[in-house]
């Protein structure tokens, strides 16, 4: 096989004819967004704002519990 005459499916990696819209083996569209494609999207990362708000909520939940335990043991 001449590499210029065939493409690879971006989902299953099998050799297919160029210009084919749907892979005949795995039946995914050959749009380049598969795990083997160059257009695969990067996983989205959490915004630092969400992480900060999450930690503030955790601290605000734990602080009253710690305060109650401290008061219970210091009496």
Protein backbone atom coordinates (compact mmCIF):
# COMPACT_ATOMS: atom_id res chain seq x y z
CA UNK A 1 0.00 0.00 0.00
CA UNK A 2 1.25 3.43 -0.88
CA UNK A 3 0.78 5.71 2.19
CA UNK A 4 -0.38 8.57 -0.02
CA UNK A 5 -3.32 6.56 -1.33
CA UNK A 6 -4.87 5.62 2.03
CA UNK A 7 -5.90 7.34 5.26
CA UNK A 8 -6.26 5.99 8.76
CA UNK A 9 -9.48 6.14 10.73
CA UNK A 10 -9.06 8.51 13.71
CA UNK A 11 -11.14 6.18 15.91
CA UNK A 12 -10.03 2.61 15.18
CA UNK A 13 -6.82 3.26 13.23
CA UNK A 14 -7.70 0.95 10.34
CA UNK A 15 -6.66 1.86 6.81
CA UNK A 16 -9.46 3.42 4.75
CA UNK A 17 -9.76 5.12 1.40
CA UNK A 18 -9.20 8.89 1.44
CA UNK A 19 -12.29 11.07 1.46
CA UNK A 20 -14.50 8.47 3.13
CA UNK A 21 -16.90 10.21 5.54
CA UNK A 22 -17.69 7.14 7.68
CA UNK A 23 -15.30 4.34 8.59
CA UNK A 24 -16.59 1.02 7.23
CA UNK A 25 -15.08 -0.83 10.22
CA UNK A 26 -16.12 1.14 13.32
CA UNK A 27 -18.84 3.32 11.70
CA UNK A 28 -17.52 6.57 13.19
CA UNK A 29 -17.20 9.69 11.09
CA UNK A 30 -13.63 10.37 10.05
CA UNK A 31 -13.67 14.00 11.13
CA UNK A 32 -10.30 13.99 12.89
CA UNK A 33 -11.83 14.26 16.38
CA UNK A 34 -11.22 10.67 17.39
CA UNK A 35 -8.60 9.63 19.93
CA UNK A 36 -6.08 9.07 17.13
CA UNK A 37 -6.86 12.30 15.29
CA UNK A 38 -5.07 15.61 15.33
CA UNK A 39 -8.27 17.54 16.14
CA UNK A 40 -8.92 15.70 19.42
CA UNK A 41 -10.11 18.13 22.06
CA UNK A 42 -8.08 18.63 25.21
CA UNK A 43 -9.90 17.87 28.44
CA UNK A 44 -11.31 21.01 29.97
CA UNK A 45 -9.64 22.23 33.14
CA UNK A 46 -11.47 23.72 36.07
CA UNK A 47 -11.29 27.45 36.38
CA UNK A 48 -9.20 28.65 39.34
CA UNK A 49 -12.27 30.56 40.50
CA UNK A 50 -14.26 27.32 40.90
CA UNK A 51 -11.40 25.69 42.79
CA UNK A 52 -11.11 28.68 45.13
CA UNK A 53 -14.86 28.81 45.76
CA UNK A 54 -14.86 25.08 46.44
CA UNK A 55 -12.10 25.38 49.04
CA UNK A 56 -13.83 28.33 50.71
CA UNK A 57 -17.03 26.28 50.99
CA UNK A 58 -15.11 23.34 52.48
CA UNK A 59 -13.42 25.61 55.02
CA UNK A 60 -16.70 27.32 55.94
CA UNK A 61 -18.24 23.89 56.51
CA UNK A 62 -15.38 22.52 58.62
CA UNK A 63 -14.67 25.60 60.77
CA UNK A 64 -17.95 25.51 62.77
CA UNK A 65 -17.43 21.81 63.44
CA UNK A 66 -13.89 22.42 64.70
CA UNK A 67 -15.12 25.34 66.81
CA UNK A 68 -17.82 23.15 68.40
CA UNK A 69 -15.31 20.39 69.14
CA UNK A 70 -12.86 22.85 70.67
CA UNK A 71 -15.56 24.35 72.89
CA UNK A 72 -16.75 20.88 73.95
CA UNK A 73 -13.27 19.75 75.01
CA UNK A 74 -12.22 22.98 76.76
CA UNK A 75 -15.12 23.03 79.23
